[in-house]
Amino acid sequence: MFVLFSSLTDIGMKLSGYMIFHGWNLFYSVIVFFVTYAFLLPIHIRFIKSNE
């Protein structure tokens, strides 16, 4: 769900002219979103909760 929302936001920024891809592709963004939401954020949340 978060990957889809982030991808739609990315596409919207590209179509509106707010963002221009220079050597980047939407496919790369989807990979980065997936890795971030599936692995990095859960690790970060566990790290924050362990320090309480």
N, C-alpha and C. Protein backbone atom coordinates (compact mmCIF):
# COMPACT_ATOMS: atom_id res chain seq x y z
N MET A 1 0.82 -1.19 0.00
CA MET A 1 0.00 0.00 0.00
C MET A 1 0.88 1.26 0.00
N PHE A 2 1.90 1.28 0.86
CA PHE A 2 2.78 2.45 0.92
C PHE A 2 3.61 2.58 -0.36
N VAL A 3 4.02 1.45 -0.91
CA VAL A 3 4.79 1.50 -2.16
C VAL A 3 3.92 2.05 -3.28
N LEU A 4 2.66 1.63 -3.33
CA LEU A 4 1.75 2.14 -4.35
C LEU A 4 1.52 3.64 -4.19
N PHE A 5 1.26 4.09 -2.97
CA PHE A 5 1.04 5.52 -2.73
C PHE A 5 2.29 6.33 -3.08
N SER A 6 3.46 5.84 -2.70
CA SER A 6 4.70 6.54 -3.01
C SER A 6 4.95 6.59 -4.51
N SER A 7 4.64 5.49 -5.20
CA SER A 7 4.82 5.45 -6.66
C SER A 7 3.87 6.43 -7.35
N LEU A 8 2.63 6.47 -6.89
CA LEU A 8 1.68 7.42 -7.47
C LEU A 8 2.09 8.86 -7.23
N THR A 9 2.63 9.13 -6.05
CA THR A 9 3.15 10.46 -5.76
C THR A 9 4.33 10.80 -6.68
N ASP A 10 5.20 9.83 -6.86
CA ASP A 10 6.36 10.00 -7.74
C ASP A 10 5.90 10.28 -9.17
N ILE A 11 4.94 9.51 -9.66
CA ILE A 11 4.41 9.71 -11.01
C ILE A 11 3.73 11.08 -11.13
N GLY A 12 2.98 11.47 -10.11
CA GLY A 12 2.32 12.77 -10.13
C GLY A 12 3.30 13.92 -10.18
N MET A 13 4.39 13.82 -9.41
CA MET A 13 5.40 14.88 -9.44
C MET A 13 6.09 14.94 -10.80
N LYS A 14 6.31 13.78 -11.40
CA LYS A 14 6.92 13.74 -12.73
C LYS A 14 5.99 14.35 -13.78
N LEU A 15 4.71 13.98 -13.75
CA LEU A 15 3.77 14.48 -14.75
C LEU A 15 3.48 15.97 -14.60
N SER A 16 3.54 16.47 -13.37
CA SER A 16 3.26 17.89 -13.16
C SER A 16 4.46 18.78 -13.48
N GLY A 17 5.62 18.16 -13.68
CA GLY A 17 6.81 18.94 -13.98
C GLY A 17 7.58 19.38 -12.76
N TYR A 18 7.13 18.96 -11.57
CA TYR A 18 7.81 19.34 -10.33
C TYR A 18 9.16 18.64 -10.21
N MET A 19 9.25 17.43 -10.74
CA MET A 19 10.47 16.64 -10.63
C MET A 19 10.84 16.14 -12.01
N ILE A 20 12.12 16.17 -12.33
CA ILE A 20 12.63 15.68 -13.60
C ILE A 20 13.64 14.58 -13.30
N PHE A 21 13.46 13.43 -13.93
CA PHE A 21 14.40 12.32 -13.74
C PHE A 21 15.62 12.53 -14.60
N HIS A 22 16.80 12.50 -13.99
CA HIS A 22 18.06 12.58 -14.72
C HIS A 22 18.81 11.29 -14.44
N GLY A 23 18.70 10.32 -15.35
CA GLY A 23 19.37 9.04 -15.15
C GLY A 23 18.67 8.17 -14.13
N TRP A 24 17.45 8.47 -13.83
CA TRP A 24 16.67 7.72 -12.85
C TRP A 24 15.43 7.19 -13.56
N ASN A 25 14.85 6.14 -13.00
CA ASN A 25 13.70 5.51 -13.61
C ASN A 25 12.68 5.21 -12.52
N LEU A 26 11.43 5.16 -12.88
CA LEU A 26 10.39 4.83 -11.90
C LEU A 26 10.62 3.44 -11.31
N PHE A 27 11.15 2.53 -12.10
CA PHE A 27 11.45 1.19 -11.61
C PHE A 27 12.45 1.24 -10.45
N TYR A 28 13.45 2.11 -10.53
CA TYR A 28 14.41 2.26 -9.44
C TYR A 28 13.71 2.77 -8.18
N SER A 29 12.79 3.69 -8.37
CA SER A 29 12.06 4.24 -7.23
C SER A 29 11.24 3.17 -6.53
N VAL A 30 10.59 2.31 -7.30
CA VAL A 30 9.78 1.25 -6.70
C VAL A 30 10.66 0.31 -5.87
N ILE A 31 11.84 0.00 -6.37
CA ILE A 31 12.78 -0.85 -5.61
C ILE A 31 13.19 -0.17 -4.32
N VAL A 32 13.54 1.11 -4.40
CA VAL A 32 13.93 1.85 -3.21
C VAL A 32 12.78 1.94 -2.21
N PHE A 33 11.57 2.21 -2.69
CA PHE A 33 10.41 2.26 -1.79
C PHE A 33 10.19 0.92 -1.11
N PHE A 34 10.27 -0.17 -1.87
CA PHE A 34 10.05 -1.49 -1.30
C PHE A 34 11.08 -1.82 -0.23
N VAL A 35 12.35 -1.59 -0.51
CA VAL A 35 13.41 -1.87 0.46
C VAL A 35 13.23 -1.02 1.71
N THR A 36 12.89 0.24 1.52
CA THR A 36 12.70 1.13 2.66
C THR A 36 11.54 0.70 3.53
N TYR A 37 10.37 0.46 2.92
CA TYR A 37 9.19 0.13 3.71
C TYR A 37 9.21 -1.29 4.24
N ALA A 38 9.86 -2.22 3.55
CA ALA A 38 9.85 -3.62 3.97
C ALA A 38 10.96 -3.94 4.96
N PHE A 39 12.10 -3.25 4.86
CA PHE A 39 13.25 -3.63 5.68
C PHE A 39 13.76 -2.51 6.59
N LEU A 40 14.02 -1.35 6.03
CA LEU A 40 14.68 -0.30 6.81
C LEU A 40 13.78 0.29 7.89
N LEU A 41 12.54 0.60 7.57
CA LEU A 41 11.65 1.19 8.58
C LEU A 41 11.32 0.23 9.72
N PRO A 42 11.05 -1.07 9.46
CA PRO A 42 10.84 -1.97 10.59
C PRO A 42 12.06 -2.10 11.51
N ILE A 43 13.25 -2.12 10.92
CA ILE A 43 14.47 -2.16 11.73
C ILE A 43 14.59 -0.89 12.56
N HIS A 44 14.29 0.24 11.95
CA HIS A 44 14.37 1.52 12.65
C HIS A 44 13.35 1.59 13.80
N ILE A 45 12.15 1.10 13.56
CA ILE A 45 11.12 1.10 14.61
C ILE A 45 11.55 0.20 15.77
N ARG A 46 12.09 -0.99 15.47
CA ARG A 46 12.58 -1.86 16.55
C ARG A 46 13.70 -1.20 17.33
N PHE A 47 14.58 -0.49 16.64
CA PHE A 47 15.68 0.21 17.31
C PHE A 47 15.14 1.30 18.25
N ILE A 48 14.17 2.06 17.80
CA ILE A 48 13.59 3.11 18.63
C ILE A 48 12.89 2.53 19.84
N LYS A 49 12.13 1.45 19.65
CA LYS A 49 11.40 0.83 20.77
C LYS A 49 12.34 0.17 21.76
N SER A 50 13.48 -0.30 21.32
CA SER A 50 14.42 -0.98 22.23
C SER A 50 15.12 0.02 23.16
N ASN A 51 15.15 1.29 22.81
CA ASN A 51 15.82 2.30 23.62
C ASN A 51 14.91 2.95 24.64
N GLU A 52 13.67 2.52 24.74
CA GLU A 52 12.74 3.14 25.69
C GLU A 52 12.94 2.62 27.08
